[in-house]
Amino acid sequence: MPAMQSTAPQRSVRVRQPLRKATNLSLSVDVLEAAKALELNISQVCDSYLRQLVMQEQERRWRSEHAEFIAAYNATIETEGLPLDQWRTF
């Protein structure tokens, strides 16, 4: 029996790339030469690492800015338990 095929039109999914902007960086000559020798995409490596650092710093700042609320919430949970916990079935 032949497999059924969809008659729906095929749509291609396009992944949107973030906008990019040229910038100047000062890098250590030895590291730059080693990266080029290894055929690393320097822009991609810098972008990826900087993105990771930005996310980590944003998370650190968020935790710092909300530390009082988190502590108060945890204290409430410690003394009163989880909301609706008595009806939980798992």
N, C-alpha and C. Protein backbone atom coordinates (compact mmCIF):
# COMPACT_ATOMS: atom_id res chain seq x y z
N MET A 1 0.84 -1.17 0.00
CA MET A 1 0.00 0.00 0.00
C MET A 1 0.89 1.24 0.00
N PRO A 2 0.70 2.16 -0.93
CA PRO A 2 1.56 3.33 -1.00
C PRO A 2 1.31 4.27 0.17
N ALA A 3 2.38 4.96 0.57
CA ALA A 3 2.28 5.92 1.68
C ALA A 3 1.48 7.11 1.22
N MET A 4 0.68 7.66 2.14
CA MET A 4 -0.11 8.84 1.81
C MET A 4 0.80 10.05 1.81
N GLN A 5 0.59 10.92 0.83
CA GLN A 5 1.39 12.13 0.73
C GLN A 5 0.51 13.32 1.03
N SER A 6 1.08 14.29 1.67
CA SER A 6 0.35 15.50 2.00
C SER A 6 0.14 16.33 0.74
N THR A 7 -1.04 16.92 0.64
CA THR A 7 -1.32 17.80 -0.49
C THR A 7 -1.14 19.26 -0.10
N ALA A 8 -0.76 19.50 1.15
CA ALA A 8 -0.53 20.88 1.60
C ALA A 8 0.72 21.43 0.93
N PRO A 9 0.70 22.71 0.59
CA PRO A 9 1.90 23.30 -0.04
C PRO A 9 3.08 23.29 0.91
N GLN A 10 4.24 23.05 0.37
CA GLN A 10 5.46 23.03 1.16
C GLN A 10 5.89 24.46 1.46
N ARG A 11 6.21 24.74 2.69
CA ARG A 11 6.70 26.06 3.07
C ARG A 11 8.11 25.92 3.58
N SER A 12 8.96 26.79 3.12
CA SER A 12 10.33 26.76 3.62
C SER A 12 10.39 27.63 4.88
N VAL A 13 11.11 27.13 5.84
CA VAL A 13 11.28 27.86 7.09
C VAL A 13 12.56 28.67 6.97
N ARG A 14 12.44 29.96 7.15
CA ARG A 14 13.60 30.83 7.04
C ARG A 14 14.01 31.28 8.44
N VAL A 15 15.22 30.97 8.80
CA VAL A 15 15.74 31.38 10.09
C VAL A 15 16.30 32.79 9.94
N ARG A 16 15.84 33.67 10.79
CA ARG A 16 16.27 35.07 10.69
C ARG A 16 17.59 35.27 11.41
N GLN A 17 18.56 35.73 10.69
CA GLN A 17 19.87 35.99 11.26
C GLN A 17 19.87 37.37 11.94
N PRO A 18 20.54 37.49 13.07
CA PRO A 18 20.61 38.80 13.71
C PRO A 18 21.35 39.80 12.83
N LEU A 19 20.96 41.06 12.97
CA LEU A 19 21.66 42.09 12.22
C LEU A 19 23.11 42.14 12.68
N ARG A 20 23.97 42.49 11.78
CA ARG A 20 25.39 42.55 12.10
C ARG A 20 25.90 43.94 11.80
N LYS A 21 26.92 44.34 12.54
CA LYS A 21 27.53 45.65 12.33
C LYS A 21 29.04 45.49 12.41
N ALA A 22 29.73 46.06 11.45
CA ALA A 22 31.19 46.00 11.45
C ALA A 22 31.71 46.83 12.61
N THR A 23 32.78 46.35 13.22
CA THR A 23 33.41 47.06 14.33
C THR A 23 34.90 46.79 14.31
N ASN A 24 35.64 47.61 14.99
CA ASN A 24 37.09 47.40 15.09
C ASN A 24 37.41 46.80 16.45
N LEU A 25 38.28 45.82 16.44
CA LEU A 25 38.74 45.18 17.67
C LEU A 25 40.26 45.21 17.70
N SER A 26 40.79 45.30 18.88
CA SER A 26 42.23 45.15 19.05
C SER A 26 42.47 43.80 19.70
N LEU A 27 43.19 42.95 18.99
CA LEU A 27 43.46 41.60 19.48
C LEU A 27 44.96 41.39 19.58
N SER A 28 45.35 40.51 20.45
CA SER A 28 46.76 40.16 20.57
C SER A 28 47.22 39.52 19.27
N VAL A 29 48.36 39.94 18.78
CA VAL A 29 48.86 39.47 17.49
C VAL A 29 49.06 37.96 17.50
N ASP A 30 49.62 37.42 18.57
CA ASP A 30 49.88 35.98 18.60
C ASP A 30 48.59 35.17 18.56
N VAL A 31 47.57 35.64 19.27
CA VAL A 31 46.30 34.91 19.28
C VAL A 31 45.62 35.03 17.92
N LEU A 32 45.67 36.21 17.32
CA LEU A 32 45.07 36.42 16.00
C LEU A 32 45.74 35.53 14.96
N GLU A 33 47.06 35.46 14.98
CA GLU A 33 47.77 34.61 14.03
C GLU A 33 47.46 33.14 14.24
N ALA A 34 47.37 32.72 15.50
CA ALA A 34 47.05 31.31 15.79
C ALA A 34 45.63 30.99 15.32
N ALA A 35 44.70 31.91 15.54
CA ALA A 35 43.31 31.69 15.10
C ALA A 35 43.23 31.58 13.58
N LYS A 36 43.95 32.45 12.90
CA LYS A 36 43.97 32.38 11.43
C LYS A 36 44.60 31.08 10.95
N ALA A 37 45.67 30.66 11.61
CA ALA A 37 46.33 29.40 11.23
C ALA A 37 45.40 28.21 11.40
N LEU A 38 44.51 28.30 12.39
CA LEU A 38 43.53 27.24 12.64
C LEU A 38 42.27 27.40 11.79
N GLU A 39 42.27 28.42 10.96
CA GLU A 39 41.15 28.73 10.08
C GLU A 39 39.85 28.93 10.85
N LEU A 40 39.96 29.61 12.01
CA LEU A 40 38.78 29.93 12.80
C LEU A 40 38.12 31.18 12.24
N ASN A 41 36.81 31.21 12.27
CA ASN A 41 36.06 32.39 11.87
C ASN A 41 36.08 33.35 13.07
N ILE A 42 36.96 34.32 13.03
CA ILE A 42 37.20 35.21 14.16
C ILE A 42 35.95 35.99 14.52
N SER A 43 35.24 36.50 13.54
CA SER A 43 34.01 37.25 13.81
C SER A 43 32.98 36.37 14.51
N GLN A 44 32.83 35.16 14.02
CA GLN A 44 31.85 34.24 14.60
C GLN A 44 32.25 33.86 16.03
N VAL A 45 33.52 33.59 16.26
CA VAL A 45 33.99 33.22 17.59
C VAL A 45 33.79 34.38 18.56
N CYS A 46 34.17 35.59 18.15
CA CYS A 46 34.00 36.76 19.01
C CYS A 46 32.53 37.01 19.31
N ASP A 47 31.68 36.92 18.29
CA ASP A 47 30.25 37.15 18.47
C ASP A 47 29.65 36.12 19.42
N SER A 48 30.00 34.88 19.22
CA SER A 48 29.46 33.80 20.05
C SER A 48 29.89 33.95 21.51
N TYR A 49 31.16 34.22 21.72
CA TYR A 49 31.67 34.35 23.09
C TYR A 49 31.10 35.60 23.76
N LEU A 50 31.02 36.70 23.03
CA LEU A 50 30.47 37.93 23.60
C LEU A 50 28.99 37.75 23.93
N ARG A 51 28.26 37.04 23.07
CA ARG A 51 26.85 36.76 23.34
C ARG A 51 26.71 35.97 24.64
N GLN A 52 27.57 34.98 24.84
CA GLN A 52 27.54 34.17 26.06
C GLN A 52 27.84 35.04 27.29
N LEU A 53 28.85 35.90 27.19
CA LEU A 53 29.18 36.78 28.31
C LEU A 53 28.06 37.76 28.63
N VAL A 54 27.42 38.29 27.59
CA VAL A 54 26.30 39.22 27.79
C VAL A 54 25.16 38.52 28.52
N MET A 55 24.82 37.31 28.09
CA MET A 55 23.73 36.57 28.74
C MET A 55 24.07 36.28 30.20
N GLN A 56 25.31 35.89 30.48
CA GLN A 56 25.71 35.61 31.85
C GLN A 56 25.63 36.87 32.72
N GLU A 57 26.06 38.00 32.18
CA GLU A 57 26.01 39.25 32.93
C GLU A 57 24.58 39.72 33.14
N GLN A 58 23.73 39.56 32.13
CA GLN A 58 22.31 39.91 32.29
C GLN A 58 21.67 39.05 33.37
N GLU A 59 21.98 37.76 33.40
CA GLU A 59 21.44 36.87 34.42
C GLU A 59 21.95 37.26 35.80
N ARG A 60 23.24 37.56 35.91
CA ARG A 60 23.81 37.96 37.20
C ARG A 60 23.13 39.22 37.72
N ARG A 61 22.95 40.20 36.83
CA ARG A 61 22.32 41.45 37.25
C ARG A 61 20.86 41.24 37.63
N TRP A 62 20.14 40.39 36.89
CA TRP A 62 18.75 40.11 37.21
C TRP A 62 18.65 39.50 38.59
N ARG A 63 19.51 38.51 38.86
CA ARG A 63 19.50 37.86 40.18
C ARG A 63 19.81 38.87 41.28
N SER A 64 20.75 39.75 41.03
CA SER A 64 21.12 40.77 42.02
C SER A 64 19.96 41.74 42.25
N GLU A 65 19.33 42.20 41.18
CA GLU A 65 18.23 43.15 41.29
C GLU A 65 17.00 42.54 41.96
N HIS A 66 16.82 41.24 41.85
CA HIS A 66 15.63 40.58 42.39
C HIS A 66 15.94 39.72 43.62
N ALA A 67 17.12 39.88 44.19
CA ALA A 67 17.55 39.04 45.31
C ALA A 67 16.61 39.16 46.51
N GLU A 68 16.15 40.38 46.81
CA GLU A 68 15.25 40.55 47.95
C GLU A 68 13.95 39.80 47.75
N PHE A 69 13.37 39.92 46.57
CA PHE A 69 12.12 39.23 46.29
C PHE A 69 12.31 37.72 46.37
N ILE A 70 13.38 37.22 45.77
CA ILE A 70 13.65 35.78 45.76
C ILE A 70 13.80 35.26 47.19
N ALA A 71 14.53 36.00 48.02
CA ALA A 71 14.72 35.60 49.42
C ALA A 71 13.38 35.60 50.16
N ALA A 72 12.56 36.64 49.94
CA ALA A 72 11.25 36.71 50.60
C ALA A 72 10.34 35.58 50.14
N TYR A 73 10.36 35.29 48.85
CA TYR A 73 9.53 34.21 48.31
C TYR A 73 9.97 32.87 48.89
N ASN A 74 11.27 32.63 48.92
CA ASN A 74 11.78 31.38 49.48
C ASN A 74 11.44 31.24 50.96
N ALA A 75 11.49 32.35 51.69
CA ALA A 75 11.12 32.32 53.12
C ALA A 75 9.64 31.98 53.27
N THR A 76 8.81 32.54 52.40
CA THR A 76 7.37 32.25 52.45
C THR A 76 7.12 30.78 52.16
N ILE A 77 7.77 30.25 51.16
CA ILE A 77 7.61 28.84 50.81
C ILE A 77 8.10 27.96 51.96
N GLU A 78 9.18 28.38 52.60
CA GLU A 78 9.73 27.61 53.73
C GLU A 78 8.73 27.54 54.89
N THR A 79 8.07 28.65 55.17
CA THR A 79 7.14 28.67 56.31
C THR A 79 5.74 28.19 55.97
N GLU A 80 5.27 28.48 54.75
CA GLU A 80 3.89 28.17 54.39
C GLU A 80 3.75 26.99 53.42
N GLY A 81 4.84 26.56 52.83
CA GLY A 81 4.80 25.51 51.82
C GLY A 81 4.41 26.06 50.47
N LEU A 82 4.36 25.17 49.49
CA LEU A 82 4.01 25.59 48.13
C LEU A 82 2.53 25.89 48.03
N PRO A 83 2.16 26.92 47.27
CA PRO A 83 0.74 27.20 47.07
C PRO A 83 0.05 25.99 46.41
N LEU A 84 -1.13 25.67 46.86
CA LEU A 84 -1.94 24.57 46.31
C LEU A 84 -1.28 23.20 46.46
N ASP A 85 -0.26 23.10 47.31
CA ASP A 85 0.47 21.84 47.47
C ASP A 85 -0.44 20.72 47.96
N GLN A 86 -1.44 21.05 48.75
CA GLN A 86 -2.32 20.02 49.30
C GLN A 86 -3.16 19.32 48.24
N TRP A 87 -3.33 19.93 47.07
CA TRP A 87 -4.10 19.33 45.98
C TRP A 87 -3.23 18.70 44.92
N ARG A 88 -1.94 18.74 45.11
CA ARG A 88 -1.03 18.17 44.12
C ARG A 88 -1.15 16.67 44.10
N THR A 89 -1.17 16.05 42.91
CA THR A 89 -1.34 14.60 42.80
C THR A 89 -0.07 13.90 42.32
N PHE A 90 1.01 14.61 42.23
CA PHE A 90 2.27 13.98 41.77
C PHE A 90 3.36 14.23 42.75
